[in-house]
Amino acid sequence: MYPEEIVKPMKLELTESGFNDLKTKEEVESAISKNGTTLLVVNSVCGCAAKNARPGIIQSLGNNKIPDNLCTVFAGFDIEATETARSKMLPFPPSSPSIALFKDGSLIHMIERHHIEGRDADMISSNLISAYNEYC
């Protein structure tokens, strides 16, 4: 498990942009089961989360259509919440960072780590905006 002092600034990048920081199984289940669309980010300490994922996610929120609910868990820190989130992302294998869009509790769009690595923030933002425009 990562020390809080390392994780805290990485969490703040998303929570300061309106994301709810989920820490328990119950919080994750409640967030995903909400009516409407929910964007769930599995945040991470890795370089691709810092350089590509978080900036791309935040940039995507400038779109006219965005998810109704924004939430995040942190891999290697919020263990219970992350395990629960990943169980809702099946059949996709666990990866961090990763980004999932749910509608009325069903997974409808997934961006896995291998879709984040090697892609810049603009590409990730464009991918998410396309999903928002279709589903939100």
C-alpha atoms as a PDB file:
ATOM      1  CA  MET A   1       0.000   0.000   0.000  1.00  0.00           C
ATOM      2  CA  TYR A   2       1.290   3.440  -0.932  1.00  0.00           C
ATOM      3  CA  PRO A   3       1.881   6.051   1.771  1.00  0.00           C
ATOM      4  CA  GLU A   4      -0.816   8.733   1.980  1.00  0.00           C
ATOM      5  CA  GLU A   5       1.651  11.571   1.424  1.00  0.00           C
ATOM      6  CA  ILE A   6       2.466  10.172  -2.027  1.00  0.00           C
ATOM      7  CA  VAL A   7      -1.138   9.478  -3.003  1.00  0.00           C
ATOM      8  CA  LYS A   8      -2.781  12.655  -1.690  1.00  0.00           C
ATOM      9  CA  PRO A   9      -1.647  15.103  -4.422  1.00  0.00           C
ATOM     10  CA  MET A  10      -2.592  12.602  -7.143  1.00  0.00           C
ATOM     11  CA  LYS A  11      -6.049  12.193  -5.619  1.00  0.00           C
ATOM     12  CA  LEU A  12      -6.442  15.964  -5.393  1.00  0.00           C
ATOM     13  CA  GLU A  13      -5.999  16.358  -9.145  1.00  0.00           C
ATOM     14  CA  LEU A  14      -9.308  14.570  -9.638  1.00  0.00           C
ATOM     15  CA  THR A  15     -11.199  15.551  -6.491  1.00  0.00           C
ATOM     16  CA  GLU A  16     -10.512  19.241  -7.139  1.00  0.00           C
ATOM     17  CA  SER A  17     -12.109  18.681 -10.560  1.00  0.00           C
ATOM     18  CA  GLY A  18     -15.327  17.343  -9.035  1.00  0.00           C
ATOM     19  CA  PHE A  19     -14.618  13.636  -8.555  1.00  0.00           C
ATOM     20  CA  ASN A  20     -15.868  11.839  -5.452  1.00  0.00           C
ATOM     21  CA  ASP A  21     -13.096   9.873  -3.761  1.00  0.00           C
ATOM     22  CA  LEU A  22     -14.518   6.418  -3.018  1.00  0.00           C
ATOM     23  CA  LYS A  23     -12.897   4.401  -0.260  1.00  0.00           C
ATOM     24  CA  THR A  24     -15.241   1.514   0.486  1.00  0.00           C
ATOM     25  CA  LYS A  25     -17.060  -1.270  -1.306  1.00  0.00           C
ATOM     26  CA  GLU A  26     -20.397   0.289  -0.397  1.00  0.00           C
ATOM     27  CA  GLU A  27     -19.430   3.693  -1.811  1.00  0.00           C
ATOM     28  CA  VAL A  28     -18.391   2.114  -5.121  1.00  0.00           C
ATOM     29  CA  GLU A  29     -21.554   0.020  -5.393  1.00  0.00           C
ATOM     30  CA  SER A  30     -23.718   3.046  -4.597  1.00  0.00           C
ATOM     31  CA  ALA A  31     -21.920   5.260  -7.138  1.00  0.00           C
ATOM     32  CA  ILE A  32     -22.138   2.738  -9.971  1.00  0.00           C
ATOM     33  CA  SER A  33     -25.772   1.889  -9.314  1.00  0.00           C
ATOM     34  CA  LYS A  34     -26.925   5.515  -9.609  1.00  0.00           C
ATOM     35  CA  ASN A  35     -29.262   6.388 -12.461  1.00  0.00           C
ATOM     36  CA  GLY A  36     -27.614   8.148 -15.372  1.00  0.00           C
ATOM     37  CA  THR A  37     -23.968   8.018 -16.320  1.00  0.00           C
ATOM     38  CA  THR A  38     -21.035   7.515 -13.976  1.00  0.00           C
ATOM     39  CA  LEU A  39     -17.378   7.940 -14.849  1.00  0.00           C
ATOM     40  CA  LEU A  40     -15.178   5.828 -12.578  1.00  0.00           C
ATOM     41  CA  VAL A  41     -11.421   6.329 -12.683  1.00  0.00           C
ATOM     42  CA  VAL A  42      -8.972   3.841 -11.207  1.00  0.00           C
ATOM     43  CA  ASN A  43      -6.211   6.316 -10.377  1.00  0.00           C
ATOM     44  CA  SER A  44      -2.569   5.310 -10.093  1.00  0.00           C
ATOM     45  CA  VAL A  45       0.912   6.528  -9.167  1.00  0.00           C
ATOM     46  CA  CYS A  46       2.345   5.519 -12.549  1.00  0.00           C
ATOM     47  CA  GLY A  47       3.717   8.004 -15.042  1.00  0.00           C
ATOM     48  CA  CYS A  48       0.990   7.408 -17.615  1.00  0.00           C
ATOM     49  CA  ALA A  49      -1.629   8.391 -15.031  1.00  0.00           C
ATOM     50  CA  ALA A  50       0.222  11.630 -14.294  1.00  0.00           C
ATOM     51  CA  LYS A  51       1.133  12.602 -17.840  1.00  0.00           C
ATOM     52  CA  ASN A  52      -1.782  11.233 -19.853  1.00  0.00           C
ATOM     53  CA  ALA A  53      -4.763   9.896 -17.919  1.00  0.00           C
ATOM     54  CA  ARG A  54      -5.527  12.526 -15.286  1.00  0.00           C
ATOM     55  CA  PRO A  55      -4.892  15.505 -17.616  1.00  0.00           C
ATOM     56  CA  GLY A  56      -6.972  13.877 -20.377  1.00  0.00           C
ATOM     57  CA  ILE A  57      -9.821  13.097 -17.998  1.00  0.00           C
ATOM     58  CA  ILE A  58      -9.874  16.637 -16.614  1.00  0.00           C
ATOM     59  CA  GLN A  59      -9.687  18.110 -20.118  1.00  0.00           C
ATOM     60  CA  SER A  60     -12.660  15.978 -21.218  1.00  0.00           C
ATOM     61  CA  LEU A  61     -14.858  17.650 -18.600  1.00  0.00           C
ATOM     62  CA  GLY A  62     -14.860  20.825 -20.705  1.00  0.00           C
ATOM     63  CA  ASN A  63     -17.240  19.095 -23.124  1.00  0.00           C
ATOM     64  CA  ASN A  64     -20.906  20.168 -23.299  1.00  0.00           C
ATOM     65  CA  LYS A  65     -22.024  16.655 -22.341  1.00  0.00           C
ATOM     66  CA  ILE A  66     -20.354  14.996 -19.372  1.00  0.00           C
ATOM     67  CA  PRO A  67     -21.279  12.137 -17.039  1.00  0.00           C
ATOM     68  CA  ASP A  68     -23.807  12.779 -14.292  1.00  0.00           C
ATOM     69  CA  ASN A  69     -21.504  11.325 -11.636  1.00  0.00           C
ATOM     70  CA  LEU A  70     -17.716  11.483 -11.339  1.00  0.00           C
ATOM     71  CA  CYS A  71     -15.847   9.180  -8.980  1.00  0.00           C
ATOM     72  CA  THR A  72     -12.438   7.673  -8.416  1.00  0.00           C
ATOM     73  CA  VAL A  73     -10.616   4.975  -6.486  1.00  0.00           C
ATOM     74  CA  PHE A  74      -6.870   4.745  -6.021  1.00  0.00           C
ATOM     75  CA  ALA A  75      -5.085   1.491  -6.871  1.00  0.00           C
ATOM     76  CA  GLY A  76      -2.635   0.389  -4.205  1.00  0.00           C
ATOM     77  CA  PHE A  77      -4.270   2.612  -1.599  1.00  0.00           C
ATOM     78  CA  ASP A  78      -8.062   2.246  -1.533  1.00  0.00           C
ATOM     79  CA  ILE A  79      -7.819  -1.536  -1.684  1.00  0.00           C
ATOM     80  CA  GLU A  80     -11.440  -2.521  -0.970  1.00  0.00           C
ATOM     81  CA  ALA A  81     -12.870   0.187  -3.224  1.00  0.00           C
ATOM     82  CA  THR A  82     -10.479  -0.665  -6.057  1.00  0.00           C
ATOM     83  CA  GLU A  83     -11.274  -4.385  -5.895  1.00  0.00           C
ATOM     84  CA  THR A  84     -14.991  -3.630  -6.001  1.00  0.00           C
ATOM     85  CA  ALA A  85     -14.582  -1.205  -8.901  1.00  0.00           C
ATOM     86  CA  ARG A  86     -12.559  -3.746 -10.862  1.00  0.00           C
ATOM     87  CA  SER A  87     -15.204  -6.411 -10.248  1.00  0.00           C
ATOM     88  CA  LYS A  88     -17.715  -4.099 -11.943  1.00  0.00           C
ATOM     89  CA  MET A  89     -15.393  -3.724 -14.955  1.00  0.00           C
ATOM     90  CA  LEU A  90     -15.352  -7.401 -15.897  1.00  0.00           C
ATOM     91  CA  PRO A  91     -14.624  -8.933 -18.375  1.00  0.00           C
ATOM     92  CA  PHE A  92     -11.781  -6.415 -18.606  1.00  0.00           C
ATOM     93  CA  PRO A  93      -8.721  -7.455 -16.588  1.00  0.00           C
ATOM     94  CA  PRO A  94      -7.564  -5.256 -13.714  1.00  0.00           C
ATOM     95  CA  SER A  95      -5.434  -2.357 -14.850  1.00  0.00           C
ATOM     96  CA  SER A  96      -4.408   0.967 -13.449  1.00  0.00           C
ATOM     97  CA  PRO A  97      -4.927   3.536 -14.479  1.00  0.00           C
ATOM     98  CA  SER A  98      -8.214   2.736 -16.165  1.00  0.00           C
ATOM     99  CA  ILE A  99     -11.387   4.639 -16.925  1.00  0.00           C
ATOM    100  CA  ALA A 100     -14.886   3.176 -17.023  1.00  0.00           C
ATOM    101  CA  LEU A 101     -18.168   4.760 -18.042  1.00  0.00           C
ATOM    102  CA  PHE A 102     -21.339   3.232 -16.641  1.00  0.00           C
ATOM    103  CA  LYS A 103     -24.951   3.972 -17.552  1.00  0.00           C
ATOM    104  CA  ASP A 104     -27.670   2.970 -15.102  1.00  0.00           C
ATOM    105  CA  GLY A 105     -25.206   0.549 -13.498  1.00  0.00           C
ATOM    106  CA  SER A 106     -23.998  -1.124 -16.726  1.00  0.00           C
ATOM    107  CA  LEU A 107     -20.488  -0.780 -18.112  1.00  0.00           C
ATOM    108  CA  ILE A 108     -20.725   0.916 -21.521  1.00  0.00           C
ATOM    109  CA  HIS A 109     -17.204   2.214 -22.270  1.00  0.00           C
ATOM    110  CA  MET A 110     -13.776   1.170 -21.017  1.00  0.00           C
ATOM    111  CA  ILE A 111     -10.290   2.600 -21.386  1.00  0.00           C
ATOM    112  CA  GLU A 112      -7.639   0.209 -20.136  1.00  0.00           C
ATOM    113  CA  ARG A 113      -4.025   1.013 -19.262  1.00  0.00           C
ATOM    114  CA  HIS A 114      -2.824  -0.195 -22.664  1.00  0.00           C
ATOM    115  CA  HIS A 115      -5.147   2.418 -24.243  1.00  0.00           C
ATOM    116  CA  ILE A 116      -3.532   5.103 -22.058  1.00  0.00           C
ATOM    117  CA  GLU A 117       0.163   4.251 -22.388  1.00  0.00           C
ATOM    118  CA  GLY A 118       1.740   5.971 -25.366  1.00  0.00           C
ATOM    119  CA  ARG A 119      -1.282   8.212 -25.963  1.00  0.00           C
ATOM    120  CA  ASP A 120      -1.300  11.844 -25.018  1.00  0.00           C
ATOM    121  CA  ALA A 121      -3.890  13.629 -22.900  1.00  0.00           C
ATOM    122  CA  ASP A 122      -5.626  15.025 -26.001  1.00  0.00           C
ATOM    123  CA  MET A 123      -6.221  11.524 -27.368  1.00  0.00           C
ATOM    124  CA  ILE A 124      -7.618  10.292 -24.060  1.00  0.00           C
ATOM    125  CA  SER A 125      -9.827  13.362 -23.789  1.00  0.00           C
ATOM    126  CA  SER A 126     -11.116  12.841 -27.352  1.00  0.00           C
ATOM    127  CA  ASN A 127     -11.903   9.198 -26.601  1.00  0.00           C
ATOM    128  CA  LEU A 128     -13.883  10.187 -23.519  1.00  0.00           C
ATOM    129  CA  ILE A 129     -15.674  13.058 -25.259  1.00  0.00           C
ATOM    130  CA  SER A 130     -16.830  10.667 -27.988  1.00  0.00           C
ATOM    131  CA  ALA A 131     -18.249   8.382 -25.287  1.00  0.00           C
ATOM    132  CA  TYR A 132     -19.900  11.314 -23.474  1.00  0.00           C
ATOM    133  CA  ASN A 133     -21.496  12.542 -26.695  1.00  0.00           C
ATOM    134  CA  GLU A 134     -22.887   9.088 -27.395  1.00  0.00           C
ATOM    135  CA  TYR A 135     -24.054   8.077 -23.913  1.00  0.00           C
ATOM    136  CA  CYS A 136     -24.518  11.192 -21.749  1.00  0.00           C
END
